[in-house]
Structure formats: C-alpha cells, structure tokens
Amino acid sequence: MSDTRYSRPPITALEQRPYQNVSGVLGSRLFAWLIDIVVLFFLGWLVVVLLALLGIVTFGATWLLIPIAAVATALGYAALTIGGRHQSTWGMRVAGLRVEAADGGRPEGLAAAVHALLFYVAAGTFLLWLLDVACGFARADRRMGHDLLTGLVVVRA
C-alpha cells in the first residue's frame, strides 16, 4: 500500500508555466504600490488610534502592540487581498493586475504575506530594491526577485 502524499513529482522552478499576460506589468505595479501605500497609511492609522484608545482602558498595555500592529497590518492586508477572491490588493485592482501562483493557480495567503514581507524588506534597502527591480527588467516574464522567491507572478487581470 503506497501513500499518495509522497508519490507526487517534485516542484521545480524550471517547468513551463501557462501563458500569463505580463505586458506593461512593471509600470502598473508601481502605480498599484503607490495606491496601496495610501490604503495602508489609513489602515495603519486606524489600528494605531484603536490601540491608543484601548491603551487608556488597559493602562497603556496595548501601546506596546503598536509597532507589531503596524507590520501585522501590512502583512495581513497582503494576505487577505492577494490570497482572497480577487487575487489582488486594492491598488492592483485599480491598475488591472492580479497575482497568480507560477503554475497559474490561486496564491495562498501565507505566500502572499511572505511576498509582501520580502518586497518591503527589499524596499527598505536601496541596493536590494534595485536588485529586485532589475530582476523584473531582465526577465521576459517580468517577475521581480521577491516573485521568484515566493513562486508568484503578477499578471494583467
């Protein structure tokens, strides 16, 4: 009796993936990111205000959660929107983009959160960000470095 969990072929990054329309994606991603930054600004301030008000009741205990909540808000936003039904953040929807797994399927929420985390880490360091964007210009499928690491691809919706 064989267990089917272990009989699957290994996943490799070199397999041919289905056709995905990536024309003009890099410019649209910049536009979408700017919209998402505005959305995250307002969501972040909403969380900070709620934690600050709750801090009055808890004698300041929730104020310690504010730095953690800022990061959790950004990662949760990516996980819920990219991992959700539309497969895109609000900025991506406006720009006409969608995120797919490299095999053409729907991305998981955890992969979407890691995707966002890697992007924001790269964006915080100019050299890493430059290398990340250079990957997108060098590749025909316009996948950036953090796309390659997470197995996701941004396509036209």
Protein backbone atom coordinates (compact mmCIF):
# COMPACT_ATOMS: atom_id res chain seq x y z
CA MET A 1 0.00 0.00 0.00
CA SER A 2 1.56 3.29 -1.09
CA ASP A 3 0.94 6.69 0.38
CA THR A 4 -0.01 9.19 -2.38
CA ARG A 5 1.42 12.15 -0.45
CA TYR A 6 4.95 11.05 -1.21
CA SER A 7 4.44 9.93 -4.81
CA ARG A 8 3.95 13.43 -6.25
CA PRO A 9 6.66 14.75 -8.58
CA PRO A 10 8.86 17.49 -7.13
CA ILE A 11 8.04 21.09 -7.92
CA THR A 12 10.74 22.84 -9.90
CA ALA A 13 11.06 26.46 -10.98
CA LEU A 14 12.20 25.43 -14.45
CA GLU A 15 8.90 23.90 -15.58
CA GLN A 16 6.96 25.61 -18.32
CA ARG A 17 4.16 27.65 -16.83
CA PRO A 18 0.87 28.51 -18.52
CA TYR A 19 0.59 31.68 -20.60
CA GLN A 20 0.07 34.74 -18.46
CA ASN A 21 -0.22 38.27 -19.87
CA VAL A 22 2.62 40.32 -18.37
CA SER A 23 2.68 43.23 -20.83
CA GLY A 24 3.20 46.57 -19.07
CA VAL A 25 3.14 44.99 -15.63
CA LEU A 26 6.16 46.75 -14.09
CA GLY A 27 4.81 50.27 -14.57
CA SER A 28 1.38 49.24 -13.37
CA ARG A 29 2.93 47.64 -10.29
CA LEU A 30 4.49 50.97 -9.33
CA PHE A 31 1.14 52.72 -9.71
CA ALA A 32 -0.59 49.97 -7.69
CA TRP A 33 2.05 50.16 -4.97
CA LEU A 34 1.51 53.91 -4.56
CA ILE A 35 -2.23 53.34 -4.10
CA ASP A 36 -1.56 50.53 -1.64
CA ILE A 37 0.76 52.76 0.39
CA VAL A 38 -2.09 55.27 0.79
CA VAL A 39 -4.51 52.48 1.77
CA LEU A 40 -2.01 51.07 4.27
CA PHE A 41 -1.43 54.53 5.71
CA PHE A 42 -5.11 54.90 6.54
CA LEU A 43 -5.48 51.31 7.76
CA GLY A 44 -2.37 51.70 9.89
CA TRP A 45 -3.61 54.90 11.47
CA LEU A 46 -6.97 53.30 12.18
CA VAL A 47 -5.22 50.44 14.01
CA VAL A 48 -2.95 52.88 15.91
CA VAL A 49 -5.91 55.01 17.01
CA LEU A 50 -7.85 51.93 18.14
CA LEU A 51 -4.86 50.61 20.10
CA ALA A 52 -4.22 54.06 21.60
CA LEU A 53 -7.83 54.33 22.78
CA LEU A 54 -7.72 50.79 24.10
CA GLY A 55 -4.48 51.72 25.86
CA ILE A 56 -6.38 54.18 28.02
CA VAL A 57 -8.56 51.36 29.33
CA THR A 58 -5.64 48.91 29.71
CA PHE A 59 -3.34 51.48 31.40
CA GLY A 60 -1.00 51.57 28.39
CA ALA A 61 -0.57 47.84 27.90
CA THR A 62 -1.81 47.85 24.30
CA TRP A 63 0.52 50.71 23.40
CA LEU A 64 3.30 48.12 23.33
CA LEU A 65 1.48 46.40 20.46
CA ILE A 66 1.54 49.43 18.15
CA PRO A 67 4.86 48.60 16.38
CA ILE A 68 3.83 44.97 15.93
CA ALA A 69 0.39 46.02 14.70
CA ALA A 70 1.91 48.24 12.01
CA VAL A 71 3.78 45.30 10.48
CA ALA A 72 0.85 42.92 11.01
CA THR A 73 -1.49 45.35 9.24
CA ALA A 74 0.67 45.42 6.10
CA LEU A 75 1.18 41.65 6.03
CA GLY A 76 -2.47 40.95 6.84
CA TYR A 77 -3.58 43.33 4.09
CA ALA A 78 -1.47 41.43 1.55
CA ALA A 79 -2.53 38.01 2.83
CA LEU A 80 -6.24 38.82 2.79
CA THR A 81 -6.35 40.68 -0.50
CA ILE A 82 -3.85 38.73 -2.62
CA GLY A 83 -4.85 35.44 -1.05
CA GLY A 84 -8.52 36.34 -1.42
CA ARG A 85 -11.10 36.01 -4.16
CA HIS A 86 -9.79 38.83 -6.38
CA GLN A 87 -6.13 37.77 -6.02
CA SER A 88 -5.04 41.41 -5.87
CA THR A 89 -4.68 44.32 -3.49
CA TRP A 90 -6.90 47.34 -3.92
CA GLY A 91 -4.13 49.14 -5.79
CA MET A 92 -3.65 46.16 -8.09
CA ARG A 93 -7.37 46.11 -8.87
CA VAL A 94 -7.24 49.77 -9.90
CA ALA A 95 -4.16 49.07 -12.05
CA GLY A 96 -5.74 45.98 -13.64
CA LEU A 97 -3.36 43.44 -12.12
CA ARG A 98 -3.77 40.05 -10.44
CA VAL A 99 -1.36 37.73 -8.63
CA GLU A 100 -1.17 34.06 -9.57
CA ALA A 101 0.96 31.16 -8.49
CA ALA A 102 3.64 30.26 -11.04
CA ASP A 103 1.54 27.29 -12.16
CA GLY A 104 -1.44 29.59 -12.86
CA GLY A 105 -3.37 28.81 -9.68
CA ARG A 106 -4.58 30.98 -6.83
CA PRO A 107 -1.90 32.11 -4.35
CA GLU A 108 -2.15 31.09 -0.72
CA GLY A 109 -2.47 33.73 1.99
CA LEU A 110 0.84 32.80 3.61
CA ALA A 111 2.67 33.07 0.27
CA ALA A 112 1.06 36.48 -0.26
CA ALA A 113 2.19 37.68 3.19
CA VAL A 114 5.75 36.44 2.62
CA HIS A 115 5.66 38.07 -0.85
CA ALA A 116 4.80 41.42 0.75
CA LEU A 117 7.35 40.96 3.54
CA LEU A 118 10.16 40.28 1.07
CA PHE A 119 9.16 43.30 -1.00
CA TYR A 120 9.09 45.66 1.98
CA VAL A 121 12.44 44.35 3.24
CA ALA A 122 13.91 44.94 -0.23
CA ALA A 123 12.28 48.37 -0.47
CA GLY A 124 13.85 49.33 2.86
CA THR A 125 17.35 48.78 1.45
CA PHE A 126 18.11 50.61 -1.77
CA LEU A 127 20.58 48.04 -3.10
CA LEU A 128 18.22 45.10 -2.50
CA TRP A 129 15.34 47.04 -4.03
CA LEU A 130 17.45 47.84 -7.09
CA LEU A 131 18.38 44.17 -7.47
CA ASP A 132 14.72 43.18 -7.03
CA VAL A 133 13.54 45.57 -9.74
CA ALA A 134 16.45 44.68 -12.03
CA CYS A 135 15.22 41.07 -12.00
CA GLY A 136 11.90 42.31 -13.36
CA PHE A 137 13.57 44.22 -16.21
CA ALA A 138 15.91 41.34 -17.06
CA ARG A 139 13.27 38.60 -17.24
CA ALA A 140 10.81 38.16 -20.10
CA ASP A 141 8.00 37.27 -17.68
CA ARG A 142 8.66 40.47 -15.66
CA ARG A 143 8.92 38.60 -12.35
CA MET A 144 10.81 40.51 -9.69
CA GLY A 145 13.14 38.89 -7.20
CA HIS A 146 10.54 38.53 -4.46
CA ASP A 147 8.15 36.99 -7.02
CA LEU A 148 10.73 34.33 -7.83
CA LEU A 149 11.40 33.56 -4.16
CA THR A 150 7.71 33.05 -3.38
CA GLY A 151 6.66 31.36 -6.63
CA LEU A 152 4.16 34.07 -7.57
CA VAL A 153 3.68 36.08 -10.75
CA VAL A 154 1.83 39.37 -11.30
CA VAL A 155 -0.27 39.37 -14.47
CA ARG A 156 -2.88 41.51 -16.22
CA ALA A 157 -6.34 40.82 -14.84
